[in-house]
Amino acid sequence: MARVEYAVDVWDLSGTDGRPNSFLLLEHLRDFGEEGWELVSLTLNTDMAGQGPSHLLVFKRLTDRGA
């Protein structure tokens, strides 16, 4: 039976003007995609845990855990 897995990734934007480089973001998304992850949410966090601006990315994928 298939199970849903979730992954959360914080993409740090400190040291930038608070805007991600679109080419780096695309590369980041492709890296997750190659492992079967699908992006389901991307949220700008102005100060995630006191670390400055970041994006919170939530991914999901289906895995076959066997019967």
C-alpha atoms as a PDB file:
ATOM      1  CA  MET A   1       0.000   0.000   0.000  1.00  0.00           C
ATOM      2  CA  ALA A   2       1.309   3.477  -0.872  1.00  0.00           C
ATOM      3  CA  ARG A   3       2.071   5.937   1.907  1.00  0.00           C
ATOM      4  CA  VAL A   4       2.474   9.684   1.740  1.00  0.00           C
ATOM      5  CA  GLU A   5       5.726  11.166   3.043  1.00  0.00           C
ATOM      6  CA  TYR A   6       6.321  14.852   3.657  1.00  0.00           C
ATOM      7  CA  ALA A   7       9.510  16.886   3.756  1.00  0.00           C
ATOM      8  CA  VAL A   8       9.991  20.452   4.954  1.00  0.00           C
ATOM      9  CA  ASP A   9      12.913  22.534   3.720  1.00  0.00           C
ATOM     10  CA  VAL A  10      13.903  26.028   4.834  1.00  0.00           C
ATOM     11  CA  TRP A  11      15.640  27.871   2.025  1.00  0.00           C
ATOM     12  CA  ASP A  12      17.755  30.574   3.655  1.00  0.00           C
ATOM     13  CA  LEU A  13      17.769  33.993   1.979  1.00  0.00           C
ATOM     14  CA  SER A  14      20.060  35.777   4.438  1.00  0.00           C
ATOM     15  CA  GLY A  15      22.789  37.755   2.732  1.00  0.00           C
ATOM     16  CA  THR A  16      20.449  38.563  -0.176  1.00  0.00           C
ATOM     17  CA  ASP A  17      17.900  41.286  -0.741  1.00  0.00           C
ATOM     18  CA  GLY A  18      15.231  38.806   0.389  1.00  0.00           C
ATOM     19  CA  ARG A  19      14.476  37.583  -3.125  1.00  0.00           C
ATOM     20  CA  PRO A  20      15.619  34.180  -4.320  1.00  0.00           C
ATOM     21  CA  ASN A  21      17.559  33.756  -7.517  1.00  0.00           C
ATOM     22  CA  SER A  22      15.039  32.037  -9.799  1.00  0.00           C
ATOM     23  CA  PHE A  23      17.701  29.854 -11.407  1.00  0.00           C
ATOM     24  CA  LEU A  24      18.942  28.606  -8.021  1.00  0.00           C
ATOM     25  CA  LEU A  25      15.361  27.969  -6.893  1.00  0.00           C
ATOM     26  CA  LEU A  26      14.654  25.950 -10.033  1.00  0.00           C
ATOM     27  CA  GLU A  27      17.799  23.887  -9.455  1.00  0.00           C
ATOM     28  CA  HIS A  28      16.769  23.322  -5.837  1.00  0.00           C
ATOM     29  CA  LEU A  29      13.294  22.163  -6.912  1.00  0.00           C
ATOM     30  CA  ARG A  30      14.756  19.857  -9.557  1.00  0.00           C
ATOM     31  CA  ASP A  31      17.015  18.240  -6.939  1.00  0.00           C
ATOM     32  CA  PHE A  32      13.975  17.374  -4.816  1.00  0.00           C
ATOM     33  CA  GLY A  33      12.019  16.306  -7.899  1.00  0.00           C
ATOM     34  CA  GLU A  34      14.704  13.814  -8.887  1.00  0.00           C
ATOM     35  CA  GLU A  35      14.098  12.097  -5.545  1.00  0.00           C
ATOM     36  CA  GLY A  36      10.354  11.873  -6.227  1.00  0.00           C
ATOM     37  CA  TRP A  37       9.290  14.903  -4.174  1.00  0.00           C
ATOM     38  CA  GLU A  38       6.491  17.202  -5.363  1.00  0.00           C
ATOM     39  CA  LEU A  39       6.324  20.804  -4.120  1.00  0.00           C
ATOM     40  CA  VAL A  40       2.964  21.451  -2.453  1.00  0.00           C
ATOM     41  CA  SER A  41       3.653  24.794  -0.748  1.00  0.00           C
ATOM     42  CA  LEU A  42       6.169  27.633  -0.792  1.00  0.00           C
ATOM     43  CA  THR A  43       5.817  30.373   1.829  1.00  0.00           C
ATOM     44  CA  LEU A  44       7.972  33.409   2.523  1.00  0.00           C
ATOM     45  CA  ASN A  45       8.996  33.529   6.167  1.00  0.00           C
ATOM     46  CA  THR A  46      10.251  36.933   7.177  1.00  0.00           C
ATOM     47  CA  ASP A  47      12.214  35.606  10.151  1.00  0.00           C
ATOM     48  CA  MET A  48      12.272  31.827  10.563  1.00  0.00           C
ATOM     49  CA  ALA A  49      13.640  31.091  14.047  1.00  0.00           C
ATOM     50  CA  GLY A  50      15.611  34.329  14.129  1.00  0.00           C
ATOM     51  CA  GLN A  51      17.649  33.431  11.061  1.00  0.00           C
ATOM     52  CA  GLY A  52      16.411  36.183   8.749  1.00  0.00           C
ATOM     53  CA  PRO A  53      14.318  35.889   5.605  1.00  0.00           C
ATOM     54  CA  SER A  54      13.734  32.433   4.185  1.00  0.00           C
ATOM     55  CA  HIS A  55      11.296  30.361   2.188  1.00  0.00           C
ATOM     56  CA  LEU A  56       9.524  27.398   3.741  1.00  0.00           C
ATOM     57  CA  LEU A  57       9.066  24.649   1.148  1.00  0.00           C
ATOM     58  CA  VAL A  58       6.778  21.672   1.798  1.00  0.00           C
ATOM     59  CA  PHE A  59       7.090  18.587  -0.397  1.00  0.00           C
ATOM     60  CA  LYS A  60       5.256  15.280  -0.571  1.00  0.00           C
ATOM     61  CA  ARG A  61       5.804  11.964  -2.309  1.00  0.00           C
ATOM     62  CA  LEU A  62       4.122   8.603  -2.461  1.00  0.00           C
ATOM     63  CA  THR A  63       6.175   5.601  -1.448  1.00  0.00           C
ATOM     64  CA  ASP A  64       5.418   1.925  -1.781  1.00  0.00           C
ATOM     65  CA  ARG A  65       5.811   0.372   1.667  1.00  0.00           C
ATOM     66  CA  GLY A  66       4.743  -3.089   0.540  1.00  0.00           C
ATOM     67  CA  ALA A  67       1.677  -4.989   1.607  1.00  0.00           C
END
